[in-house]
Amino acid sequence: MSMDEREKLKLMLAHWVEHNREHGEEFREWAEKARAMGEAGAADEILAAARAMDEAGNLLTKSRERLEVA
């Protein structure tokens, strides 16, 4: 991988982490709204999606950290 590609990948990873974090926050807000509407099942599934976004962000962060030490 060229240095330009490595730097671009690091930037993309940082962008994806932030993007996922923002989506996770939005999911949590909508889960609360769904629960307030009496849609507990939908709220639980939306929260599960938010947790999956958190995990994706953790994996992407680890990838970026790995590139930093390489």
Protein backbone atom coordinates (compact mmCIF):
# COMPACT_ATOMS: atom_id res chain seq x y z
CA MET A 1 0.00 0.00 0.00
CA SER A 2 1.43 3.38 -0.95
CA MET A 3 1.83 6.08 1.66
CA ASP A 4 -0.96 8.10 0.03
CA GLU A 5 -3.31 5.12 0.23
CA ARG A 6 -2.33 4.49 3.86
CA GLU A 7 -3.06 8.10 4.81
CA LYS A 8 -6.33 8.08 2.91
CA LEU A 9 -7.37 4.85 4.64
CA LYS A 10 -6.59 6.36 8.05
CA LEU A 11 -8.72 9.39 7.19
CA MET A 12 -11.54 7.19 5.92
CA LEU A 13 -11.45 5.09 9.09
CA ALA A 14 -11.66 8.21 11.26
CA HIS A 15 -14.59 9.45 9.16
CA TRP A 16 -16.41 6.11 9.40
CA VAL A 17 -15.93 5.97 13.19
CA GLU A 18 -17.43 9.44 13.61
CA HIS A 19 -20.22 8.71 11.13
CA ASN A 20 -21.16 5.51 12.98
CA ARG A 21 -21.07 7.33 16.32
CA GLU A 22 -23.50 9.93 15.01
CA HIS A 23 -25.83 7.25 13.66
CA GLY A 24 -25.68 5.36 16.95
CA GLU A 25 -26.76 8.48 18.83
CA GLU A 26 -29.62 9.01 16.39
CA PHE A 27 -30.68 5.36 16.75
CA ARG A 28 -30.80 5.75 20.52
CA GLU A 29 -32.95 8.87 20.24
CA TRP A 30 -35.40 7.07 17.97
CA ALA A 31 -35.43 4.03 20.20
CA GLU A 32 -36.62 6.27 23.04
CA LYS A 33 -39.32 7.69 20.80
CA ALA A 34 -40.41 4.21 19.72
CA ARG A 35 -40.60 3.11 23.36
CA ALA A 36 -42.68 6.20 24.20
CA MET A 37 -45.06 5.16 21.38
CA GLY A 38 -45.48 1.80 23.06
CA GLU A 39 -43.27 0.02 20.53
CA ALA A 40 -40.95 -1.77 22.94
CA GLY A 41 -39.98 -4.45 20.45
CA ALA A 42 -38.98 -1.91 17.82
CA ALA A 43 -37.11 0.09 20.47
CA ASP A 44 -35.14 -2.97 21.54
CA GLU A 45 -34.21 -3.75 17.93
CA ILE A 46 -33.14 -0.17 17.27
CA LEU A 47 -30.99 -0.28 20.42
CA ALA A 48 -29.45 -3.53 19.19
CA ALA A 49 -28.60 -1.75 15.94
CA ALA A 50 -27.01 1.09 17.95
CA ARG A 51 -24.87 -1.46 19.83
CA ALA A 52 -23.84 -3.01 16.52
CA MET A 53 -22.78 0.45 15.32
CA ASP A 54 -20.74 0.84 18.52
CA GLU A 55 -19.01 -2.47 17.84
CA ALA A 56 -18.34 -1.50 14.23
CA GLY A 57 -16.82 1.75 15.49
CA ASN A 58 -14.61 -0.16 17.93
CA LEU A 59 -13.35 -2.44 15.17
CA LEU A 60 -12.69 0.49 12.84
CA THR A 61 -10.82 2.28 15.64
CA LYS A 62 -8.64 -0.78 16.18
CA SER A 63 -7.92 -0.88 12.47
CA ARG A 64 -6.87 2.76 12.47
CA GLU A 65 -4.65 2.20 15.52
CA ARG A 66 -3.02 -0.75 13.79
CA LEU A 67 -2.19 1.47 10.81
CA GLU A 68 -0.67 4.06 13.14
CA VAL A 69 1.93 1.61 14.48
CA ALA A 70 2.70 -0.07 11.16
